[in-house]
Amino acid sequence: MWDLVINLAFFACGLGFGKAQAVNADITKRTEYMQDLINEAYEKRDLMKRQWLDAEEMAETWKRRYESLIPIEKD
């Protein structure tokens, strides 16, 4: 019984504290911060894609070089 009362009291305190923090925060600054994080993530993703494509191209180049050095045997 007391456990339920204590849990409800903690829940109410946490809910009130969370709402108080949300109300006091400037939403435009938080939105700008989140947008900056999203933009940074997109930039990192694009960089990783470019590096991946460059690595694939280099691997293909080395494969062609290697295969050009191996004599081809015809049956």
C-alpha atoms as a PDB file:
ATOM      1  CA  MET A   1       0.000   0.000   0.000  1.00  0.00           C
ATOM      2  CA  TRP A   2       2.663   2.474   1.035  1.00  0.00           C
ATOM      3  CA  ASP A   3       4.799   1.422  -1.920  1.00  0.00           C
ATOM      4  CA  LEU A   4       2.033   2.487  -4.271  1.00  0.00           C
ATOM      5  CA  VAL A   5       1.620   5.835  -2.516  1.00  0.00           C
ATOM      6  CA  ILE A   6       5.364   6.487  -2.572  1.00  0.00           C
ATOM      7  CA  ASN A   7       5.633   5.514  -6.261  1.00  0.00           C
ATOM      8  CA  LEU A   8       2.747   7.806  -7.160  1.00  0.00           C
ATOM      9  CA  ALA A   9       4.338  10.642  -5.187  1.00  0.00           C
ATOM     10  CA  PHE A  10       7.664  10.171  -6.990  1.00  0.00           C
ATOM     11  CA  PHE A  11       5.857   9.995 -10.314  1.00  0.00           C
ATOM     12  CA  ALA A  12       3.986  13.238  -9.597  1.00  0.00           C
ATOM     13  CA  CYS A  13       7.198  14.988  -8.511  1.00  0.00           C
ATOM     14  CA  GLY A  14       9.053  13.789 -11.617  1.00  0.00           C
ATOM     15  CA  LEU A  15       6.207  14.820 -13.882  1.00  0.00           C
ATOM     16  CA  GLY A  16       6.055  18.285 -12.317  1.00  0.00           C
ATOM     17  CA  PHE A  17       9.821  18.700 -12.501  1.00  0.00           C
ATOM     18  CA  GLY A  18       9.894  17.607 -16.162  1.00  0.00           C
ATOM     19  CA  LYS A  19       7.124  19.998 -17.118  1.00  0.00           C
ATOM     20  CA  ALA A  20       8.819  22.862 -15.286  1.00  0.00           C
ATOM     21  CA  GLN A  21      12.032  22.293 -17.235  1.00  0.00           C
ATOM     22  CA  ALA A  22      10.186  22.068 -20.540  1.00  0.00           C
ATOM     23  CA  VAL A  23       8.310  25.311 -19.929  1.00  0.00           C
ATOM     24  CA  ASN A  24      11.438  27.224 -18.938  1.00  0.00           C
ATOM     25  CA  ALA A  25      13.420  26.169 -22.023  1.00  0.00           C
ATOM     26  CA  ASP A  26      13.509  28.399 -25.079  1.00  0.00           C
ATOM     27  CA  ILE A  27      12.047  26.265 -27.830  1.00  0.00           C
ATOM     28  CA  THR A  28      13.727  28.147 -30.691  1.00  0.00           C
ATOM     29  CA  LYS A  29      17.209  27.518 -29.280  1.00  0.00           C
ATOM     30  CA  ARG A  30      16.422  23.851 -28.765  1.00  0.00           C
ATOM     31  CA  THR A  31      15.020  23.595 -32.278  1.00  0.00           C
ATOM     32  CA  GLU A  32      18.089  25.277 -33.761  1.00  0.00           C
ATOM     33  CA  TYR A  33      20.355  22.981 -31.761  1.00  0.00           C
ATOM     34  CA  MET A  34      18.488  19.889 -32.972  1.00  0.00           C
ATOM     35  CA  GLN A  35      18.598  21.152 -36.578  1.00  0.00           C
ATOM     36  CA  ASP A  36      22.341  21.717 -36.259  1.00  0.00           C
ATOM     37  CA  LEU A  37      22.753  18.138 -35.029  1.00  0.00           C
ATOM     38  CA  ILE A  38      20.676  16.845 -37.936  1.00  0.00           C
ATOM     39  CA  ASN A  39      22.694  18.885 -40.452  1.00  0.00           C
ATOM     40  CA  GLU A  40      25.940  17.615 -38.940  1.00  0.00           C
ATOM     41  CA  ALA A  41      24.704  14.022 -39.187  1.00  0.00           C
ATOM     42  CA  TYR A  42      23.775  14.533 -42.852  1.00  0.00           C
ATOM     43  CA  GLU A  43      27.208  15.994 -43.582  1.00  0.00           C
ATOM     44  CA  LYS A  44      28.898  13.021 -41.924  1.00  0.00           C
ATOM     45  CA  ARG A  45      26.671  10.616 -43.867  1.00  0.00           C
ATOM     46  CA  ASP A  46      27.513  12.321 -47.163  1.00  0.00           C
ATOM     47  CA  LEU A  47      31.231  12.277 -46.337  1.00  0.00           C
ATOM     48  CA  MET A  48      31.070   8.573 -45.514  1.00  0.00           C
ATOM     49  CA  LYS A  49      29.239   7.869 -48.790  1.00  0.00           C
ATOM     50  CA  ARG A  50      31.895   9.742 -50.774  1.00  0.00           C
ATOM     51  CA  GLN A  51      34.683   7.907 -48.959  1.00  0.00           C
ATOM     52  CA  TRP A  52      32.931   4.574 -49.561  1.00  0.00           C
ATOM     53  CA  LEU A  53      32.603   5.282 -53.298  1.00  0.00           C
ATOM     54  CA  ASP A  54      36.236   6.403 -53.476  1.00  0.00           C
ATOM     55  CA  ALA A  55      37.343   3.213 -51.732  1.00  0.00           C
ATOM     56  CA  GLU A  56      35.308   1.071 -54.128  1.00  0.00           C
ATOM     57  CA  GLU A  57      36.806   2.901 -57.088  1.00  0.00           C
ATOM     58  CA  MET A  58      40.330   2.404 -55.737  1.00  0.00           C
ATOM     59  CA  ALA A  59      39.632  -1.293 -55.165  1.00  0.00           C
ATOM     60  CA  GLU A  60      38.409  -1.684 -58.737  1.00  0.00           C
ATOM     61  CA  THR A  61      41.502   0.114 -60.021  1.00  0.00           C
ATOM     62  CA  TRP A  62      43.816  -2.170 -58.068  1.00  0.00           C
ATOM     63  CA  LYS A  63      41.840  -5.203 -59.215  1.00  0.00           C
ATOM     64  CA  ARG A  64      42.232  -4.164 -62.867  1.00  0.00           C
ATOM     65  CA  ARG A  65      45.963  -3.567 -62.345  1.00  0.00           C
ATOM     66  CA  TYR A  66      46.403  -6.939 -60.692  1.00  0.00           C
ATOM     67  CA  GLU A  67      44.431  -8.763 -63.365  1.00  0.00           C
ATOM     68  CA  SER A  68      46.411  -7.035 -66.121  1.00  0.00           C
ATOM     69  CA  LEU A  69      49.646  -8.452 -64.643  1.00  0.00           C
ATOM     70  CA  ILE A  70      48.394 -12.043 -64.566  1.00  0.00           C
ATOM     71  CA  PRO A  71      48.847 -13.835 -67.857  1.00  0.00           C
ATOM     72  CA  ILE A  72      45.628 -15.206 -69.215  1.00  0.00           C
ATOM     73  CA  GLU A  73      45.808 -18.874 -70.115  1.00  0.00           C
ATOM     74  CA  LYS A  74      43.647 -20.036 -72.974  1.00  0.00           C
ATOM     75  CA  ASP A  75      42.571 -23.650 -73.219  1.00  0.00           C
END
